[in-house]
């Protein structure tokens, strides 16, 4: 192959979801509203946990991390996508594309490890409640959170470096809404078998390993719940895990479907829709799931709203 053709492109063109102007405007309005709800909802969850001392527990410490990851993940993709919906030339500089891949891939990995950590927290809470505060002490929680952030970031750094060392020749059109790893490596004008293997290996390590830990935790949790004699006790134990289990099912499902077998991956349109789901829908759903299905969070909201109502009444008088 000519060395002239093996050049580094200066920018990429993201083809996005649609080329129809009316569709793009409609998507812009919809995605903007959902992004604003994402930022507001997750920051309110973080604020609520900080303000209410009853929520200063390991579970809500990890939930604070999860909410911050959700906002950061959405911010790594959605603002650029919104900007591109309103312009004809949907360019993204090479460095910006690499940064977007690093942050989105890293934050996604962090979330999967955090969900496994939260599953372990629920396992201890249900299966060994008397020793919960001894096992899930502050030092362990901090180390588990740091492990989540470091493992996700290191994997992302490795994948980003490997991906952007590939010669892209003159191909700069990415048929995706963002610089997603599978979409970017398709631009390479060399054999990408090693990259696909690296993606599969990292997916097994950072996706399937946490998923297996989640699965083992919930097998033990369900086994323990079934041994509880009273219906009320079983119901209470299940409710402590319901929110987390809902998020786990939503979060792991399509990612396993997308990344474990890159060669037999879904269509380009399916990949785009999956990315929209994770970048826009999941960060909106998470605070709703943890608010609607969690009595402690609902109680904290009611307390906070009551305090705000009291302050408003005093100011009015």
Protein backbone atom coordinates (compact mmCIF):
# COMPACT_ATOMS: atom_id res chain seq x y z
CA UNK A 1 0.00 0.00 0.00
CA UNK A 2 1.19 3.53 -0.77
CA UNK A 3 2.68 5.33 2.20
CA UNK A 4 0.98 8.49 0.89
CA UNK A 5 -2.39 6.96 1.60
CA UNK A 6 -1.40 6.05 5.17
CA UNK A 7 -1.91 9.56 6.51
CA UNK A 8 -3.26 10.88 9.77
CA UNK A 9 -6.58 12.63 9.27
CA UNK A 10 -6.98 16.01 10.98
CA UNK A 11 -10.71 15.71 11.53
CA UNK A 12 -13.57 13.25 11.24
CA UNK A 13 -17.10 13.73 9.93
CA UNK A 14 -19.85 12.20 12.06
CA UNK A 15 -22.81 11.13 9.94
CA UNK A 16 -25.20 11.11 12.90
CA UNK A 17 -28.73 9.73 13.05
CA UNK A 18 -30.36 11.53 10.12
CA UNK A 19 -29.63 13.94 7.29
CA UNK A 20 -33.20 15.29 7.19
CA UNK A 21 -33.34 18.85 8.59
CA UNK A 22 -36.80 18.59 10.20
CA UNK A 23 -35.84 15.32 11.87
CA UNK A 24 -32.61 16.85 13.18
CA UNK A 25 -34.45 19.84 14.67
CA UNK A 26 -36.97 17.55 16.37
CA UNK A 27 -34.15 15.38 17.74
CA UNK A 28 -32.31 18.49 18.94
CA UNK A 29 -35.31 19.64 21.01
CA UNK A 30 -35.94 16.15 22.40
CA UNK A 31 -32.30 15.43 23.25
CA UNK A 32 -31.77 18.90 24.76
CA UNK A 33 -34.73 18.44 27.11
CA UNK A 34 -33.55 14.95 28.12
CA UNK A 35 -29.98 16.17 28.68
CA UNK A 36 -31.22 19.00 30.92
CA UNK A 37 -33.34 16.50 32.88
CA UNK A 38 -30.27 14.24 33.16
CA UNK A 39 -28.06 16.98 34.60
CA UNK A 40 -30.77 18.31 36.93
CA UNK A 41 -31.95 14.89 38.12
CA UNK A 42 -28.52 13.47 38.86
CA UNK A 43 -27.21 16.60 40.57
CA UNK A 44 -30.36 16.71 42.71
CA UNK A 45 -29.69 13.11 43.75
CA UNK A 46 -26.10 14.03 44.67
CA UNK A 47 -27.29 17.14 46.57
CA UNK A 48 -29.98 15.20 48.40
CA UNK A 49 -27.51 12.54 49.54
CA UNK A 50 -25.12 15.25 50.75
CA UNK A 51 -27.84 17.11 52.69
CA UNK A 52 -29.67 14.19 54.34
CA UNK A 53 -27.62 12.42 57.02
CA UNK A 54 -29.87 9.33 56.78
CA UNK A 55 -28.44 8.74 53.30
CA UNK A 56 -24.81 8.81 54.46
CA UNK A 57 -24.43 5.06 53.94
CA UNK A 58 -22.24 2.96 51.60
CA UNK A 59 -25.12 2.38 49.16
CA UNK A 60 -25.69 6.09 48.67
CA UNK A 61 -21.98 6.83 48.57
CA UNK A 62 -21.77 4.54 45.53
CA UNK A 63 -24.98 6.05 44.13
CA UNK A 64 -23.33 9.49 44.30
CA UNK A 65 -20.46 8.12 42.22
CA UNK A 66 -22.92 6.54 39.78
CA UNK A 67 -24.88 9.79 39.35
CA UNK A 68 -21.66 11.72 38.70
CA UNK A 69 -20.58 9.11 36.15
CA UNK A 70 -23.97 9.34 34.40
CA UNK A 71 -23.78 13.13 34.08
CA UNK A 72 -20.17 12.97 32.90
CA UNK A 73 -20.90 10.24 30.35
CA UNK A 74 -23.84 12.16 28.90
CA UNK A 75 -21.74 15.36 28.80
CA UNK A 76 -18.95 13.58 26.89
CA UNK A 77 -21.36 12.85 24.01
CA UNK A 78 -24.61 14.87 24.07
CA UNK A 79 -23.41 18.52 23.76
CA UNK A 80 -21.35 17.69 20.67
CA UNK A 81 -24.26 15.69 19.24
CA UNK A 82 -26.65 18.61 19.85
CA UNK A 83 -24.29 21.01 18.09
CA UNK A 84 -24.02 18.69 15.09
CA UNK A 85 -27.81 18.45 14.78
CA UNK A 86 -27.91 22.15 13.89
CA UNK A 87 -25.04 22.32 11.38
CA UNK A 88 -24.44 20.84 7.94
CA UNK A 89 -20.71 20.18 8.40
CA UNK A 90 -20.57 17.72 11.32
CA UNK A 91 -16.81 17.76 11.85
CA UNK A 92 -14.92 16.79 14.98
CA UNK A 93 -11.13 17.37 15.27
CA UNK A 94 -8.86 14.34 15.61
CA UNK A 95 -7.84 15.25 19.19
CA UNK A 96 -11.46 15.93 20.22
CA UNK A 97 -12.51 12.57 18.77
CA UNK A 98 -9.77 10.78 20.74
CA UNK A 99 -10.77 12.65 23.92
CA UNK A 100 -14.43 11.78 23.41
CA UNK A 101 -13.59 8.10 22.94
CA UNK A 102 -11.38 8.11 26.04
CA UNK A 103 -13.97 9.74 28.32
CA UNK A 104 -17.04 7.88 27.04
CA UNK A 105 -15.30 4.49 27.08
CA UNK A 106 -13.70 5.16 30.46
CA UNK A 107 -16.89 6.37 32.13
CA UNK A 108 -18.81 3.43 30.70
CA UNK A 109 -16.25 1.02 32.18
CA UNK A 110 -16.35 2.81 35.54
CA UNK A 111 -20.14 2.43 35.64
CA UNK A 112 -20.00 -1.34 35.07
CA UNK A 113 -17.47 -1.83 37.87
CA UNK A 114 -19.50 0.46 40.17
CA UNK A 115 -22.62 -1.63 39.54
CA UNK A 116 -20.67 -4.74 40.60
CA UNK A 117 -19.47 -2.94 43.74
CA UNK A 118 -23.06 -1.90 44.51
CA UNK A 119 -24.17 -5.52 44.04
CA UNK A 120 -21.60 -6.59 46.64
CA UNK A 121 -22.91 -3.88 48.97
CA UNK A 122 -26.48 -5.25 48.55
CA UNK A 123 -25.18 -8.80 49.09
CA UNK A 124 -23.66 -7.84 52.44
CA UNK A 125 -26.78 -5.86 53.43
CA UNK A 126 -29.12 -8.80 52.77
CA UNK A 127 -26.95 -11.82 53.53
CA UNK A 128 -24.94 -10.52 56.51
CA UNK A 129 -26.92 -7.54 57.90
CA UNK A 130 -25.55 -7.76 61.45
CA UNK A 131 -21.98 -7.25 60.21
CA UNK A 132 -22.87 -4.79 57.43
CA UNK A 133 -21.41 -1.68 59.10
CA UNK A 134 -18.25 -3.59 60.05
CA UNK A 135 -17.65 -4.99 56.56
CA UNK A 136 -18.71 -1.94 54.52
CA UNK A 137 -16.63 0.57 56.45
CA UNK A 138 -15.55 3.91 55.01
CA UNK A 139 -12.07 2.79 54.05
CA UNK A 140 -13.31 -0.19 52.03
CA UNK A 141 -15.96 1.91 50.27
CA UNK A 142 -13.36 4.48 49.26
CA UNK A 143 -10.98 1.79 47.96
CA UNK A 144 -13.77 0.13 45.97
CA UNK A 145 -14.77 3.45 44.41
CA UNK A 146 -11.14 4.26 43.52
CA UNK A 147 -10.73 0.79 41.98
CA UNK A 148 -13.77 1.46 39.78
CA UNK A 149 -12.40 4.78 38.54
CA UNK A 150 -8.85 3.54 38.00
CA UNK A 151 -9.81 0.30 36.19
CA UNK A 152 -12.22 2.05 33.82
CA UNK A 153 -9.75 4.86 33.08
CA UNK A 154 -6.77 2.55 32.47
CA UNK A 155 -8.74 0.33 30.10
CA UNK A 156 -9.99 3.38 28.20
CA UNK A 157 -6.51 4.85 27.92
CA UNK A 158 -5.14 1.60 26.50
CA UNK A 159 -8.00 1.21 24.01
CA UNK A 160 -7.79 4.86 22.90
CA UNK A 161 -4.03 4.70 22.27
CA UNK A 162 -4.33 1.45 20.32
CA UNK A 163 -7.27 2.75 18.25
CA UNK A 164 -5.77 6.09 17.27
CA UNK A 165 -2.43 4.58 16.28
CA UNK A 166 -4.21 2.95 13.35
CA UNK A 167 -3.62 4.63 9.96
CA UNK A 168 -6.98 5.97 8.74
CA UNK A 169 -5.82 6.71 5.17
CA UNK A 170 -8.19 9.25 3.60
CA UNK A 171 -11.29 7.80 5.23
CA UNK A 172 -12.75 10.29 7.71
CA UNK A 173 -16.50 9.59 7.71
CA UNK A 174 -17.67 7.96 10.94
CA UNK A 175 -21.14 6.47 10.53
CA UNK A 176 -22.15 7.09 14.13
CA UNK A 177 -23.37 9.79 16.52
CA UNK A 178 -20.00 9.96 18.32
CA UNK A 179 -16.45 8.64 18.21
CA UNK A 180 -17.43 5.15 19.30
CA UNK A 181 -14.62 2.60 19.25
CA UNK A 182 -16.16 0.07 16.84
CA UNK A 183 -17.11 2.86 14.41
CA UNK A 184 -13.62 4.41 14.53
CA UNK A 185 -11.62 1.22 13.94
CA UNK A 186 -13.69 0.52 10.82
CA UNK A 187 -11.96 3.51 9.21
CA UNK A 188 -8.55 1.85 9.38
CA UNK A 189 -6.90 0.81 6.12
CA UNK A 190 -4.99 -2.03 7.80
CA UNK A 191 -5.99 -5.33 9.37
CA UNK A 192 -7.90 -4.65 12.61
CA UNK A 193 -8.03 -8.22 13.94
CA UNK A 194 -5.73 -7.37 16.85
CA UNK A 195 -7.93 -4.40 17.77
CA UNK A 196 -11.05 -6.56 17.71
CA UNK A 197 -9.33 -9.10 19.94
CA UNK A 198 -8.26 -6.30 22.33
CA UNK A 199 -11.86 -5.02 22.46
CA UNK A 200 -13.17 -8.51 23.19
CA UNK A 201 -10.56 -9.17 25.90
CA UNK A 202 -11.17 -5.82 27.63
CA UNK A 203 -14.93 -6.43 27.36
CA UNK A 204 -14.52 -9.78 29.09
CA UNK A 205 -12.34 -8.26 31.82
CA UNK A 206 -14.26 -5.02 32.40
CA UNK A 207 -17.76 -6.12 31.44
CA UNK A 208 -18.20 -9.86 31.91
CA UNK A 209 -16.16 -10.10 35.12
CA UNK A 210 -18.28 -7.46 36.93
CA UNK A 211 -21.41 -9.02 35.39
CA UNK A 212 -20.47 -12.44 36.79
CA UNK A 213 -19.85 -10.87 40.21
CA UNK A 214 -23.28 -9.20 40.02
CA UNK A 215 -24.84 -12.52 39.03
CA UNK A 216 -23.17 -14.40 41.89
CA UNK A 217 -24.21 -11.67 44.36
CA UNK A 218 -27.85 -11.86 43.29
CA UNK A 219 -27.90 -15.67 43.36
CA UNK A 220 -26.84 -15.44 47.02
CA UNK A 221 -29.28 -12.57 47.68
CA UNK A 222 -32.25 -14.43 46.15
CA UNK A 223 -31.29 -17.60 48.03
CA UNK A 224 -31.23 -15.64 51.31
CA UNK A 225 -34.52 -13.86 50.57
CA UNK A 226 -36.30 -17.17 49.87
CA UNK A 227 -35.22 -18.44 53.30
CA UNK A 228 -36.90 -15.52 55.09
CA UNK A 229 -40.08 -16.81 56.73
CA UNK A 230 -42.29 -13.73 56.74
CA UNK A 231 -43.76 -12.25 53.55
CA UNK A 232 -43.10 -8.76 54.87
CA UNK A 233 -39.45 -9.61 55.52
CA UNK A 234 -38.99 -10.99 52.00
CA UNK A 235 -40.67 -7.93 50.52
CA UNK A 236 -38.45 -5.56 52.53
CA UNK A 237 -35.29 -7.45 51.56
CA UNK A 238 -36.25 -7.42 47.88
CA UNK A 239 -36.99 -3.69 47.93
CA UNK A 240 -33.45 -2.97 49.15
CA UNK A 241 -32.17 -4.42 45.86
CA UNK A 242 -34.97 -3.58 43.39
CA UNK A 243 -33.59 -0.25 42.15
CA UNK A 244 -30.07 -1.58 41.65
CA UNK A 245 -31.29 -4.74 39.94
CA UNK A 246 -33.39 -2.70 37.49
CA UNK A 247 -30.38 -0.56 36.54
CA UNK A 248 -28.15 -3.65 36.19
CA UNK A 249 -30.56 -5.32 33.75
CA UNK A 250 -30.84 -2.17 31.63
CA UNK A 251 -27.15 -1.29 31.72
CA UNK A 252 -25.50 -4.66 31.08
CA UNK A 253 -27.96 -6.05 28.56
CA UNK A 254 -27.26 -4.12 25.37
CA UNK A 255 -23.57 -3.56 26.11
CA UNK A 256 -22.93 -7.31 26.22
CA UNK A 257 -24.92 -7.58 22.99
CA UNK A 258 -22.75 -4.90 21.35
CA UNK A 259 -19.17 -5.48 22.49
CA UNK A 260 -18.51 -9.12 23.32
CA UNK A 261 -18.43 -10.23 19.67
CA UNK A 262 -17.30 -7.31 17.47
CA UNK A 263 -17.28 -9.41 14.29
CA UNK A 264 -20.92 -10.34 14.71
CA UNK A 265 -21.96 -6.97 16.10
CA UNK A 266 -25.36 -5.41 15.37
CA UNK A 267 -26.08 -3.16 12.39
CA UNK A 268 -24.83 0.43 12.28
CA UNK A 269 -28.34 1.73 13.01
CA UNK A 270 -28.64 -0.57 16.01
CA UNK A 271 -25.26 0.65 17.29
CA UNK A 272 -26.42 4.27 16.98
CA UNK A 273 -29.67 3.56 18.83
CA UNK A 274 -27.78 1.70 21.57
CA UNK A 275 -25.45 4.70 21.96
CA UNK A 276 -28.45 7.04 22.20
CA UNK A 277 -29.91 4.74 24.86
CA UNK A 278 -26.76 4.88 26.99
CA UNK A 279 -25.92 8.55 26.42
CA UNK A 280 -29.42 10.01 26.77
CA UNK A 281 -31.99 7.55 28.13
CA UNK A 282 -30.03 5.69 30.85
CA UNK A 283 -28.75 8.84 32.62
CA UNK A 284 -32.36 10.10 32.70
CA UNK A 285 -33.75 6.81 33.98
CA UNK A 286 -31.23 6.19 36.77
CA UNK A 287 -32.30 9.03 39.11
CA UNK A 288 -35.96 8.22 38.39
CA UNK A 289 -35.46 4.53 39.22
CA UNK A 290 -33.62 5.31 42.45
CA UNK A 291 -36.20 7.95 43.43
CA UNK A 292 -39.45 6.20 42.53
CA UNK A 293 -38.49 2.73 43.73
CA UNK A 294 -36.62 3.74 46.89
CA UNK A 295 -38.49 4.61 50.09
CA UNK A 296 -35.45 6.22 51.73
CA UNK A 297 -34.88 8.58 48.79
CA UNK A 298 -38.60 9.42 48.59
CA UNK A 299 -38.59 10.11 52.33
CA UNK A 300 -35.55 12.38 51.97
CA UNK A 301 -37.25 14.26 49.10
CA UNK A 302 -40.37 14.80 51.21
CA UNK A 303 -38.28 16.04 54.13
CA UNK A 304 -36.31 18.43 51.92
CA UNK A 305 -39.45 19.76 50.21
CA UNK A 306 -41.05 20.24 53.62
CA UNK A 307 -38.04 22.24 54.82
CA UNK A 308 -38.06 24.36 51.65
CA UNK A 309 -41.80 24.95 52.03
CA UNK A 310 -41.27 26.06 55.64
CA UNK A 311 -38.50 28.47 54.65
CA UNK A 312 -40.66 29.87 51.82
CA UNK A 313 -43.58 30.42 54.23
CA UNK A 314 -41.35 32.27 56.72
CA UNK A 315 -39.94 34.50 53.99
CA UNK A 316 -43.44 35.24 52.71
CA UNK A 317 -44.57 36.36 56.19
